[in-house]
């Protein structure tokens, strides 16, 4: 009998060459499959809810796998964490239905991009935010994000090696807020193109620094070459993947670097219409 399981995990992406398996590279998938297989006493293969690039972090990435081995929830969690390196941790486990697909069953995904304002790059936490000089115009940044809402062709913010069949994505919510020394881009969509969030963050950074740019115009160009450079990976966090039937997997987990006082809006599973026809096959590259 197979047991179908999903894990909520977090990782510091600094020393990983992305989440997905790559030949002769250290990846999140390598480490997780090795640890889970040891606890299961059998070879286990995992699937991710969303792919992340080298250097990108996650506080609530969701993975799915099946195993013939039965373990109590406590034993799965403690056992897998015991075999994982210190830059990955499992914080949740849920038994799911056999037809659960960790990617295609999701309604939407949520990312944060974090800029830290400081007059120098800190020695502690330097890889947990994108550090810049103080003075970003958050009001200008937030105002322009509203042109991203809804379904659009995001070719102008699409990574060069993106394998998605369609450049269209539906952004459900997006905002830019300041919290202390941090400026946070908060974006929710049905799915994301390769480097889409980092490319949007790069454009918003220029806007925040006073450059005359129009996000709506950039969208209309449908030309990556006319948009600003990609923001670095260390500021990006996958913080939430929403499933209608599994609220325990769907919780927002705010990066600890932002502190316990950080308050972001909580969204429910049914707050947005899910544009399912835009979710593409499992082998599609997405952030």
Protein backbone atom coordinates (compact mmCIF):
# COMPACT_ATOMS: atom_id res chain seq x y z
CA UNK A 1 0.00 0.00 0.00
CA UNK A 2 1.33 3.41 -0.97
CA UNK A 3 1.07 6.40 1.33
CA UNK A 4 0.75 9.79 -0.37
CA UNK A 5 2.41 12.59 1.57
CA UNK A 6 3.18 16.28 1.24
CA UNK A 7 5.82 18.17 3.20
CA UNK A 8 6.08 21.88 3.93
CA UNK A 9 9.77 22.81 3.84
CA UNK A 10 12.01 25.84 4.17
CA UNK A 11 15.52 26.39 2.88
CA UNK A 12 18.26 28.93 2.58
CA UNK A 13 19.03 28.84 -1.14
CA UNK A 14 22.49 30.43 -0.92
CA UNK A 15 24.52 27.25 -1.36
CA UNK A 16 22.13 25.40 -3.67
CA UNK A 17 22.14 25.33 -7.47
CA UNK A 18 18.37 25.63 -7.44
CA UNK A 19 15.64 23.34 -6.17
CA UNK A 20 15.47 20.79 -9.00
CA UNK A 21 17.82 17.88 -9.61
CA UNK A 22 20.92 18.73 -11.66
CA UNK A 23 23.82 16.51 -12.60
CA UNK A 24 26.86 16.92 -10.32
CA UNK A 25 25.32 19.92 -8.54
CA UNK A 26 24.08 20.42 -4.99
CA UNK A 27 20.31 20.93 -5.11
CA UNK A 28 17.43 20.92 -2.65
CA UNK A 29 16.00 17.86 -4.38
CA UNK A 30 19.23 15.89 -3.93
CA UNK A 31 19.30 16.50 -0.21
CA UNK A 32 15.59 15.88 0.37
CA UNK A 33 15.42 12.65 -1.61
CA UNK A 34 18.44 11.26 0.20
CA UNK A 35 17.02 12.13 3.64
CA UNK A 36 13.47 10.93 2.94
CA UNK A 37 14.73 7.69 1.38
CA UNK A 38 16.72 6.91 4.52
CA UNK A 39 13.66 7.34 6.73
CA UNK A 40 11.43 5.40 4.32
CA UNK A 41 14.03 2.64 3.86
CA UNK A 42 13.34 2.78 0.12
CA UNK A 43 14.18 5.03 -2.81
CA UNK A 44 11.83 8.02 -2.91
CA UNK A 45 11.32 10.60 -5.65
CA UNK A 46 9.80 13.98 -4.89
CA UNK A 47 7.93 16.67 -6.84
CA UNK A 48 7.95 20.40 -6.14
CA UNK A 49 5.06 22.85 -6.08
CA UNK A 50 7.30 25.50 -7.67
CA UNK A 51 10.88 25.60 -8.91
CA UNK A 52 13.37 28.06 -7.47
CA UNK A 53 16.67 29.26 -8.93
CA UNK A 54 20.12 29.15 -7.42
CA UNK A 55 20.28 31.47 -4.41
CA UNK A 56 16.48 31.79 -4.01
CA UNK A 57 14.98 30.95 -0.60
CA UNK A 58 11.73 29.34 0.52
CA UNK A 59 9.81 29.44 3.78
CA UNK A 60 6.91 27.26 2.61
CA UNK A 61 7.85 25.25 -0.44
CA UNK A 62 5.63 22.18 -0.74
CA UNK A 63 6.85 18.82 -1.99
CA UNK A 64 4.94 15.62 -2.66
CA UNK A 65 5.99 11.97 -2.66
CA UNK A 66 4.64 8.49 -2.09
CA UNK A 67 6.08 5.67 -0.03
CA UNK A 68 5.16 2.11 0.80
CA UNK A 69 6.51 2.67 4.32
CA UNK A 70 4.26 3.79 7.15
CA UNK A 71 5.66 6.21 9.71
CA UNK A 72 3.92 8.35 12.30
CA UNK A 73 3.95 12.07 11.50
CA UNK A 74 6.37 12.78 14.36
CA UNK A 75 8.78 10.11 13.11
CA UNK A 76 8.69 11.43 9.54
CA UNK A 77 9.41 14.97 10.67
CA UNK A 78 12.10 14.15 13.20
CA UNK A 79 13.71 11.50 11.02
CA UNK A 80 13.92 13.57 7.83
CA UNK A 81 15.19 16.64 9.70
CA UNK A 82 17.87 14.53 11.37
CA UNK A 83 19.30 13.59 7.95
CA UNK A 84 18.98 17.02 6.33
CA UNK A 85 21.76 19.62 6.22
CA UNK A 86 21.33 22.77 8.30
CA UNK A 87 20.12 24.88 5.36
CA UNK A 88 16.93 22.80 4.83
CA UNK A 89 14.19 21.98 7.34
CA UNK A 90 10.80 20.26 7.22
CA UNK A 91 8.12 22.02 9.27
CA UNK A 92 4.92 20.24 8.23
CA UNK A 93 3.61 16.91 6.92
CA UNK A 94 0.14 16.14 5.59
CA UNK A 95 -1.33 12.91 4.23
CA UNK A 96 -2.94 13.71 0.87
CA UNK A 97 -5.28 11.98 -1.57
CA UNK A 98 -3.79 9.70 -4.26
CA UNK A 99 -4.83 12.14 -7.00
CA UNK A 100 -3.10 15.09 -5.30
CA UNK A 101 -0.57 16.78 -7.60
CA UNK A 102 1.69 19.11 -5.65
CA UNK A 103 1.92 21.53 -8.57
CA UNK A 104 -1.30 21.25 -10.52
CA UNK A 105 -3.51 21.02 -7.42
CA UNK A 106 -2.34 24.44 -6.22
CA UNK A 107 -4.61 27.45 -6.66
CA UNK A 108 -1.95 30.14 -6.45
CA UNK A 109 1.59 30.89 -5.30
CA UNK A 110 2.99 33.79 -3.32
CA UNK A 111 6.48 35.29 -3.40
CA UNK A 112 8.13 38.08 -1.47
CA UNK A 113 11.07 40.04 -2.79
CA UNK A 114 13.00 41.75 0.00
CA UNK A 115 15.23 44.80 -0.39
CA UNK A 116 17.22 45.79 2.69
CA UNK A 117 18.23 49.44 2.97
CA UNK A 118 21.63 50.00 4.53
CA UNK A 119 24.64 52.25 3.93
CA UNK A 120 26.80 49.12 3.64
CA UNK A 121 26.21 45.43 2.91
CA UNK A 122 25.86 43.70 6.30
CA UNK A 123 28.19 40.86 7.15
CA UNK A 124 25.34 39.08 8.95
CA UNK A 125 22.33 38.40 6.75
CA UNK A 126 24.00 39.55 3.53
CA UNK A 127 22.52 36.60 1.60
CA UNK A 128 19.00 36.96 3.05
CA UNK A 129 18.00 40.19 1.26
CA UNK A 130 19.16 42.37 -1.61
CA UNK A 131 20.98 45.23 0.12
CA UNK A 132 20.84 48.69 -1.37
CA UNK A 133 21.41 52.31 -0.31
CA UNK A 134 18.50 53.90 1.61
CA UNK A 135 15.94 56.11 -0.11
CA UNK A 136 13.63 53.98 -2.26
CA UNK A 137 10.37 55.71 -3.23
CA UNK A 138 7.96 53.02 -2.06
CA UNK A 139 4.86 55.00 -3.01
CA UNK A 140 5.99 55.22 -6.65
CA UNK A 141 6.85 51.52 -6.70
CA UNK A 142 3.52 50.45 -5.22
CA UNK A 143 1.51 52.71 -7.53
CA UNK A 144 3.07 51.18 -10.64
CA UNK A 145 2.56 47.57 -9.52
CA UNK A 146 -1.18 47.93 -10.01
CA UNK A 147 -0.72 47.72 -13.79
CA UNK A 148 0.43 44.12 -13.26
CA UNK A 149 -2.92 42.97 -11.86
CA UNK A 150 -4.95 40.58 -13.96
CA UNK A 151 -4.02 38.39 -16.90
CA UNK A 152 -1.19 39.66 -19.09
CA UNK A 153 1.49 38.56 -21.50
CA UNK A 154 4.61 38.79 -19.29
CA UNK A 155 7.19 38.31 -22.06
CA UNK A 156 8.98 41.49 -20.93
CA UNK A 157 9.61 39.84 -17.55
CA UNK A 158 10.32 36.30 -18.77
CA UNK A 159 13.68 34.59 -18.33
CA UNK A 160 15.59 33.72 -21.50
CA UNK A 161 15.48 29.94 -20.96
CA UNK A 162 11.85 29.74 -19.89
CA UNK A 163 10.18 26.60 -21.25
CA UNK A 164 6.60 27.65 -20.62
CA UNK A 165 4.35 27.30 -23.66
CA UNK A 166 2.49 30.49 -22.83
CA UNK A 167 3.82 33.87 -21.61
CA UNK A 168 0.43 34.66 -20.05
CA UNK A 169 0.02 34.66 -16.28
CA UNK A 170 -2.66 36.06 -13.97
CA UNK A 171 -1.46 38.24 -11.09
CA UNK A 172 -4.06 38.21 -8.33
CA UNK A 173 -2.49 40.66 -5.88
CA UNK A 174 0.68 42.74 -5.73
CA UNK A 175 1.95 45.49 -3.47
CA UNK A 176 5.12 47.18 -2.25
CA UNK A 177 5.41 48.09 1.43
CA UNK A 178 8.09 49.40 3.77
CA UNK A 179 8.72 47.71 7.10
CA UNK A 180 11.57 49.27 9.00
CA UNK A 181 14.74 48.94 6.95
CA UNK A 182 13.07 46.57 4.48
CA UNK A 183 11.09 47.23 1.31
CA UNK A 184 8.97 44.22 0.38
CA UNK A 185 7.37 43.30 -2.94
CA UNK A 186 4.46 40.94 -2.22
CA UNK A 187 3.04 39.19 -5.29
CA UNK A 188 0.49 36.41 -5.82
CA UNK A 189 -0.28 34.73 -9.15
CA UNK A 190 -1.72 31.52 -10.50
CA UNK A 191 1.81 30.64 -11.68
CA UNK A 192 5.06 32.39 -12.56
CA UNK A 193 7.39 32.39 -15.54
CA UNK A 194 11.09 31.75 -15.11
CA UNK A 195 12.63 34.71 -13.21
CA UNK A 196 9.40 36.68 -13.59
CA UNK A 197 9.41 37.99 -10.01
CA UNK A 198 13.10 38.94 -10.09
CA UNK A 199 12.65 40.74 -13.40
CA UNK A 200 9.70 42.68 -12.03
CA UNK A 201 11.76 43.47 -8.91
CA UNK A 202 14.57 44.81 -11.10
CA UNK A 203 12.17 47.20 -12.83
CA UNK A 204 10.62 48.32 -9.53
CA UNK A 205 14.08 48.96 -8.08
CA UNK A 206 14.80 51.40 -10.91
CA UNK A 207 11.42 53.07 -10.35
CA UNK A 208 12.14 53.35 -6.63
CA UNK A 209 15.47 55.01 -7.39
CA UNK A 210 13.72 57.65 -9.48
CA UNK A 211 14.23 56.33 -13.00
CA UNK A 212 11.44 57.27 -15.42
CA UNK A 213 9.92 53.89 -16.21
CA UNK A 214 6.37 52.74 -16.81
CA UNK A 215 5.53 49.12 -15.96
CA UNK A 216 2.43 49.22 -18.13
CA UNK A 217 4.53 50.30 -21.11
CA UNK A 218 7.10 47.57 -20.41
CA UNK A 219 4.30 44.99 -20.39
CA UNK A 220 2.98 46.26 -23.71
CA UNK A 221 6.40 45.98 -25.40
CA UNK A 222 6.49 42.20 -24.87
CA UNK A 223 10.25 42.46 -25.21
CA UNK A 224 12.65 41.38 -22.46
CA UNK A 225 15.44 43.48 -23.96
CA UNK A 226 13.52 46.69 -23.23
CA UNK A 227 13.13 45.96 -19.51
CA UNK A 228 15.72 46.56 -16.75
CA UNK A 229 18.16 43.95 -15.48
CA UNK A 230 17.15 41.04 -13.27
CA UNK A 231 17.28 41.59 -9.51
CA UNK A 232 19.65 39.27 -7.58
CA UNK A 233 18.32 35.93 -6.29
CA UNK A 234 19.01 36.39 -2.57
CA UNK A 235 16.06 38.76 -2.07
CA UNK A 236 13.45 36.29 -3.31
CA UNK A 237 11.36 34.00 -1.08
CA UNK A 238 8.63 31.48 -1.91
CA UNK A 239 6.35 31.98 1.10
CA UNK A 240 3.01 30.35 0.30
CA UNK A 241 1.42 27.79 -2.00
CA UNK A 242 -2.34 27.55 -1.65
CA UNK A 243 -4.41 24.36 -1.84
CA UNK A 244 -8.18 24.44 -1.42
CA UNK A 245 -8.42 21.12 0.45
CA UNK A 246 -5.22 21.37 2.51
CA UNK A 247 -5.13 24.54 4.63
CA UNK A 248 -2.31 23.14 6.77
CA UNK A 249 -0.04 23.19 3.70
CA UNK A 250 -1.23 26.62 2.62
CA UNK A 251 -0.15 28.89 5.46
CA UNK A 252 1.82 32.06 4.86
CA UNK A 253 5.26 31.82 6.45
CA UNK A 254 7.01 35.18 6.65
CA UNK A 255 10.84 35.12 6.49
CA UNK A 256 12.31 35.50 9.97
CA UNK A 257 14.67 38.22 8.78
CA UNK A 258 11.61 40.52 8.65
CA UNK A 259 10.93 40.06 12.36
CA UNK A 260 7.93 38.97 14.40
CA UNK A 261 6.19 42.34 13.95
CA UNK A 262 5.94 41.96 10.16
CA UNK A 263 2.27 41.95 9.18
CA UNK A 264 1.16 40.99 5.68
CA UNK A 265 -2.37 40.46 4.47
CA UNK A 266 -3.69 36.92 4.82
CA UNK A 267 -5.56 35.62 1.77
CA UNK A 268 -7.99 32.70 1.70
CA UNK A 269 -7.97 29.90 -0.88
CA UNK A 270 -11.11 31.14 -2.62
CA UNK A 271 -10.21 34.85 -2.66
CA UNK A 272 -9.07 34.59 -6.28
CA UNK A 273 -10.42 32.91 -9.40
CA UNK A 274 -7.92 30.26 -10.43
CA UNK A 275 -7.07 30.48 -14.12
CA UNK A 276 -6.35 26.77 -14.49
CA UNK A 277 -5.86 26.80 -18.25
CA UNK A 278 -2.70 28.84 -17.69
CA UNK A 279 -1.13 26.18 -15.43
CA UNK A 280 1.11 24.23 -17.73
CA UNK A 281 2.52 20.68 -17.83
CA UNK A 282 4.68 19.42 -14.97
CA UNK A 283 7.96 19.92 -16.81
CA UNK A 284 7.32 23.65 -17.28
CA UNK A 285 9.99 25.84 -15.71
CA UNK A 286 8.48 28.24 -13.18
CA UNK A 287 9.86 30.16 -10.25
